[in-house]
Every structure is written in structure tokens, then in C-alpha cells.
């Protein structure tokens, strides 16, 4: 079993990076291997399934691996909340298909004997140009209830996990960026919440998307086009 991770796919905009012509290692995987998308997955976007959604669902189902994803800010959160659920990896997941699963906010999942804490959601800085319920959902940002739920789950694991899978990054990492990344994305209480986790939870590595760059910040890696193996 192997676990790979990548950034936003914004289906269908950025999913091309998962074409095995670009990611040749994908051809060697099986359904017992997992690819985790760090938010802005984008598959369930319209209010009802349409031809494009069916095409990309089938496209992913036919890939040799199993796809896992957390939610980003650019998701139809209403659709995600209505998914059927099942127990998987020691916690609850949302079921898109038998090859595509939503990893929920605040859960700790055990995959290949490694613990993954997941927290989706972030602030959309372009929401003023979007329409609520059609291209923007206020559930994009994690709630205090979800955040408290996550802290409670971390406590059950003695505040020790192997990996953090998030959509955005802790606010304290702002100091590692130059002026190019001065953006309203930092004015997000999810970043502040993740800062608390960053400073109080024992973890090996964190991975996120959201920023549309590929950069390794040592303790945290931001992903966009890169697809990397972590287990």
C-alpha cells in the first residue's frame, strides 16, 4: 500500500496532473493505494449531477488507485454534507463512489498504520464575485464546532499524529513567505486554528493546497501541481 498527496484539482481545471502521462507512477498503483487531494477537489460542483460530473467520476473510478479528498473553500458544501457515509480508516467518510471518498473535518484516520488529522475549509477571497448556493457556500470555513471536534479527536490520540492534511496553512507560516504572498487569504480563522495545532500537536509533516504553488516549508508542504509519495 502507498499513499500519495497532491493539491487542488478544481475538477476539471487542474485534474490533468493526474493523467498517467504526467504522473507515470499512477500507472503502477492499485485500489489498495491512495491519492489524497488537499481540498478544492471540485467534483460535486453543480446542484445536481450532470454529464461532466459523471464523466470525471467515471474517469477517477477507472484509475488504478483510490481517491481521497478533504474539502477546500471552492466546493459545493451542501452536496458534500448530503453524501452517504461509512466507517473507513477508523472514522467516518463521505462516499462518492467505491473509489472516491471525502475525508471529513476534524477526523483522525489511520491509513497504513499512520494517523492523518484532516481539516478542510478556508476563506474564498473571490467570494464577492461568486453567487451563494451556486458558486460559493458559507460553509467553506470551518466552524467552531468542527474545530472543537477536531481538538477533541486529537486529544483522544494524545495530541500526536503522523500527518496533517489541511486546505490552508497555519498563520505562523506567514513569515516564511515574501511579499508576493501578501493576500487576504491570511485573514482566515482556519489559519489561526491550524496555528494552534501546529504549536500544540506532535506531528511529522503537514500538507495543504489552496495557495496554487508548490513549496516545501520543511514542516509543511504546500502542493498544487506536484504529486508526492508520503508512504
Protein backbone atom coordinates (compact mmCIF):
# COMPACT_ATOMS: atom_id res chain seq x y z
CA UNK A 1 0.00 0.00 0.00
CA UNK A 2 1.18 3.51 -0.85
CA UNK A 3 -0.19 6.96 -0.07
CA UNK A 4 0.31 9.93 -2.38
CA UNK A 5 -0.83 13.51 -1.90
CA UNK A 6 -1.43 16.49 -4.19
CA UNK A 7 -3.01 19.94 -4.22
CA UNK A 8 -6.20 21.34 -5.70
CA UNK A 9 -7.76 19.61 -8.70
CA UNK A 10 -10.64 22.08 -9.30
CA UNK A 11 -12.24 19.40 -11.46
CA UNK A 12 -11.98 19.71 -14.44
CA UNK A 13 -9.44 22.58 -14.42
CA UNK A 14 -6.39 21.10 -12.68
CA UNK A 15 -7.09 17.39 -12.72
CA UNK A 16 -4.86 16.90 -15.77
CA UNK A 17 -1.88 16.46 -13.43
CA UNK A 18 -3.36 13.05 -12.52
CA UNK A 19 -3.16 11.88 -16.12
CA UNK A 20 -0.71 9.00 -16.02
CA UNK A 21 1.19 10.57 -18.93
CA UNK A 22 2.17 13.32 -16.50
CA UNK A 23 2.15 11.24 -13.31
CA UNK A 24 3.61 7.98 -14.57
CA UNK A 25 3.76 6.43 -11.08
CA UNK A 26 -0.03 6.36 -11.07
CA UNK A 27 0.04 3.51 -13.57
CA UNK A 28 1.79 1.27 -11.02
CA UNK A 29 -0.83 1.72 -8.26
CA UNK A 30 -3.78 -0.44 -7.23
CA UNK A 31 -7.08 0.22 -5.48
CA UNK A 32 -5.23 -0.53 -2.23
CA UNK A 33 -3.15 2.62 -2.84
CA UNK A 34 -4.47 6.07 -2.04
CA UNK A 35 -4.20 9.52 -3.56
CA UNK A 36 -5.22 12.36 -1.22
CA UNK A 37 -6.32 15.70 -2.69
CA UNK A 38 -5.80 18.60 -0.25
CA UNK A 39 -9.07 20.40 -0.95
CA UNK A 40 -10.73 22.24 -3.83
CA UNK A 41 -11.48 18.83 -5.27
CA UNK A 42 -14.41 20.26 -7.21
CA UNK A 43 -16.13 17.10 -8.44
CA UNK A 44 -19.54 17.66 -6.82
CA UNK A 45 -20.00 21.23 -8.01
CA UNK A 46 -23.43 21.60 -9.60
CA UNK A 47 -26.63 21.36 -7.56
CA UNK A 48 -27.39 18.08 -9.35
CA UNK A 49 -25.06 15.59 -11.07
CA UNK A 50 -24.56 16.39 -14.75
CA UNK A 51 -22.72 14.85 -17.68
CA UNK A 52 -19.42 16.46 -16.80
CA UNK A 53 -19.58 15.21 -13.22
CA UNK A 54 -20.42 11.71 -14.42
CA UNK A 55 -17.50 11.80 -16.87
CA UNK A 56 -14.94 12.75 -14.22
CA UNK A 57 -16.41 10.37 -11.65
CA UNK A 58 -16.02 7.52 -14.13
CA UNK A 59 -12.56 8.79 -15.08
CA UNK A 60 -11.40 8.58 -11.47
CA UNK A 61 -13.19 5.29 -10.83
CA UNK A 62 -11.29 3.76 -13.74
CA UNK A 63 -7.92 4.85 -12.39
CA UNK A 64 -5.98 2.11 -10.61
CA UNK A 65 -5.84 3.96 -7.26
CA UNK A 66 -8.46 5.04 -4.70
CA UNK A 67 -9.05 8.80 -4.41
CA UNK A 68 -9.46 10.51 -1.04
CA UNK A 69 -10.06 14.23 -0.60
CA UNK A 70 -10.66 16.86 2.00
CA UNK A 71 -12.88 19.81 1.14
CA UNK A 72 -11.46 23.18 0.23
CA UNK A 73 -13.24 26.52 0.03
CA UNK A 74 -14.29 26.07 -3.60
CA UNK A 75 -16.65 23.14 -3.11
CA UNK A 76 -20.39 22.60 -3.11
CA UNK A 77 -20.51 22.03 0.64
CA UNK A 78 -24.23 21.32 0.54
CA UNK A 79 -23.66 18.35 -1.77
CA UNK A 80 -20.79 17.11 0.38
CA UNK A 81 -22.98 17.25 3.50
CA UNK A 82 -25.59 15.03 1.83
CA UNK A 83 -23.20 12.20 0.90
CA UNK A 84 -23.86 8.78 2.35
CA UNK A 85 -21.30 7.86 4.98
CA UNK A 86 -19.47 4.75 6.05
CA UNK A 87 -16.83 3.74 8.56
CA UNK A 88 -13.39 3.68 6.99
CA UNK A 89 -9.86 4.11 8.37
CA UNK A 90 -11.27 4.14 11.89
CA UNK A 91 -13.58 7.15 11.33
CA UNK A 92 -16.44 8.35 9.13
CA UNK A 93 -16.01 9.21 5.45
CA UNK A 94 -18.38 10.55 2.84
CA UNK A 95 -18.93 8.15 -0.06
CA UNK A 96 -18.88 9.48 -3.63
CA UNK A 97 -18.21 6.04 -5.13
CA UNK A 98 -16.37 2.88 -4.15
CA UNK A 99 -13.19 4.60 -5.38
CA UNK A 100 -13.74 8.19 -4.16
CA UNK A 101 -14.17 9.23 -0.51
CA UNK A 102 -14.46 12.53 1.36
CA UNK A 103 -12.27 12.81 4.47
CA UNK A 104 -14.24 14.89 6.95
CA UNK A 105 -13.23 17.88 9.03
CA UNK A 106 -11.70 17.13 12.41
CA UNK A 107 -11.36 13.39 11.92
CA UNK A 108 -8.26 11.32 12.60
CA UNK A 109 -7.88 8.47 10.11
CA UNK A 110 -5.48 5.56 10.32
CA UNK A 111 -4.05 4.57 6.94
CA UNK A 112 -1.20 2.07 6.67
CA UNK A 113 -0.70 2.36 10.45
CA UNK A 114 -0.19 6.12 10.14
CA UNK A 115 -2.52 8.70 11.67
CA UNK A 116 -3.88 11.53 9.50
CA UNK A 117 -5.64 14.54 11.00
CA UNK A 118 -7.87 16.23 8.43
CA UNK A 119 -9.28 19.73 8.42
CA UNK A 120 -10.76 21.12 5.24
CA UNK A 121 -12.07 24.56 4.51
CA UNK A 122 -10.66 28.05 4.03
CA UNK A 123 -11.58 31.60 3.08
CA UNK A 124 -12.51 32.47 -0.52
CA UNK A 125 -11.01 35.86 -1.31
CA UNK A 126 -13.05 35.93 -4.55
CA UNK A 127 -16.44 35.35 -2.94
CA UNK A 128 -17.65 38.85 -3.87
CA UNK A 129 -17.69 37.73 -7.50
CA UNK A 130 -19.49 34.47 -6.73
CA UNK A 131 -23.14 33.61 -6.08
CA UNK A 132 -24.16 31.96 -2.83
CA UNK A 133 -25.55 28.48 -3.34
CA UNK A 134 -24.26 28.33 -6.91
CA UNK A 135 -20.54 29.12 -6.85
CA UNK A 136 -19.93 29.91 -3.19
CA UNK A 137 -21.09 28.35 0.09
CA UNK A 138 -20.75 29.95 3.51
CA UNK A 139 -19.78 26.53 4.93
CA UNK A 140 -16.41 26.98 3.21
CA UNK A 141 -14.82 27.93 6.54
CA UNK A 142 -14.58 25.52 9.45
CA UNK A 143 -16.94 26.28 12.31
CA UNK A 144 -16.01 26.47 15.99
CA UNK A 145 -17.93 23.23 16.49
CA UNK A 146 -15.87 21.48 13.82
CA UNK A 147 -12.68 22.93 15.23
CA UNK A 148 -13.53 21.82 18.78
CA UNK A 149 -14.45 18.39 17.43
CA UNK A 150 -11.02 18.16 15.83
CA UNK A 151 -9.25 19.18 19.03
CA UNK A 152 -11.22 16.55 20.93
CA UNK A 153 -10.20 13.86 18.48
CA UNK A 154 -6.57 14.93 18.70
CA UNK A 155 -6.75 14.67 22.48
CA UNK A 156 -8.01 11.10 22.12
CA UNK A 157 -4.78 10.42 20.25
CA UNK A 158 -2.70 12.19 22.90
CA UNK A 159 -2.17 15.12 20.52
CA UNK A 160 0.10 13.00 18.38
CA UNK A 161 -0.48 12.13 14.73
CA UNK A 162 1.78 11.42 11.80
CA UNK A 163 0.34 13.81 9.21
CA UNK A 164 -1.82 16.90 8.96
CA UNK A 165 -3.93 17.14 5.80
CA UNK A 166 -5.40 20.62 5.51
CA UNK A 167 -6.53 23.00 2.80
CA UNK A 168 -4.77 26.11 4.08
CA UNK A 169 -1.77 26.57 6.38
CA UNK A 170 -1.06 27.80 9.92
CA UNK A 171 -0.90 31.58 10.27
CA UNK A 172 2.58 31.49 11.80
CA UNK A 173 4.00 30.28 8.48
CA UNK A 174 3.23 33.69 7.00
CA UNK A 175 6.75 34.75 7.98
CA UNK A 176 8.19 32.23 5.53
CA UNK A 177 6.62 33.97 2.52
CA UNK A 178 7.80 37.05 0.71
CA UNK A 179 5.63 39.98 -0.40
CA UNK A 180 4.30 38.01 -3.37
CA UNK A 181 2.08 36.15 -0.93
CA UNK A 182 0.65 39.13 0.90
CA UNK A 183 -3.01 38.29 0.46
CA UNK A 184 -6.34 38.33 2.22
CA UNK A 185 -6.10 34.53 2.42
CA UNK A 186 -4.33 35.08 5.74
CA UNK A 187 -7.44 36.75 7.26
CA UNK A 188 -8.94 33.36 7.95
CA UNK A 189 -9.68 31.95 11.39
CA UNK A 190 -8.94 28.49 9.99
CA UNK A 191 -5.30 29.60 9.65
CA UNK A 192 -5.34 30.69 13.29
CA UNK A 193 -6.87 27.39 14.32
CA UNK A 194 -4.21 25.46 12.42
CA UNK A 195 -1.58 27.59 14.14
CA UNK A 196 -2.80 26.25 17.48
CA UNK A 197 -2.48 22.69 16.16
CA UNK A 198 0.92 23.44 14.62
CA UNK A 199 2.21 24.55 18.02
CA UNK A 200 0.48 22.03 20.27
CA UNK A 201 0.27 18.75 18.34
CA UNK A 202 3.16 16.38 17.76
CA UNK A 203 3.19 15.59 14.04
CA UNK A 204 5.71 14.59 11.42
CA UNK A 205 4.58 16.63 8.42
CA UNK A 206 1.71 18.75 7.18
CA UNK A 207 0.37 19.01 3.62
CA UNK A 208 -2.05 21.52 2.12
CA UNK A 209 -3.26 23.07 -1.13
CA UNK A 210 -5.12 26.40 -1.56
CA UNK A 211 -2.14 28.61 -2.42
CA UNK A 212 -1.63 27.42 -6.01
CA UNK A 213 2.11 26.95 -5.54
CA UNK A 214 4.46 24.06 -4.86
CA UNK A 215 6.83 24.82 -1.99
CA UNK A 216 8.36 22.83 0.85
CA UNK A 217 8.41 24.72 4.15
CA UNK A 218 10.15 21.81 5.94
CA UNK A 219 7.42 21.03 8.48
CA UNK A 220 4.66 21.85 5.97
CA UNK A 221 4.49 21.29 2.22
CA UNK A 222 2.16 23.34 0.01
CA UNK A 223 1.07 21.47 -3.11
CA UNK A 224 -0.51 22.42 -6.40
CA UNK A 225 0.88 20.58 -9.43
CA UNK A 226 3.21 18.21 -7.58
CA UNK A 227 2.06 14.71 -6.68
CA UNK A 228 4.28 13.25 -3.98
CA UNK A 229 4.53 9.94 -2.15
CA UNK A 230 4.39 10.13 1.63
CA UNK A 231 4.06 6.43 2.49
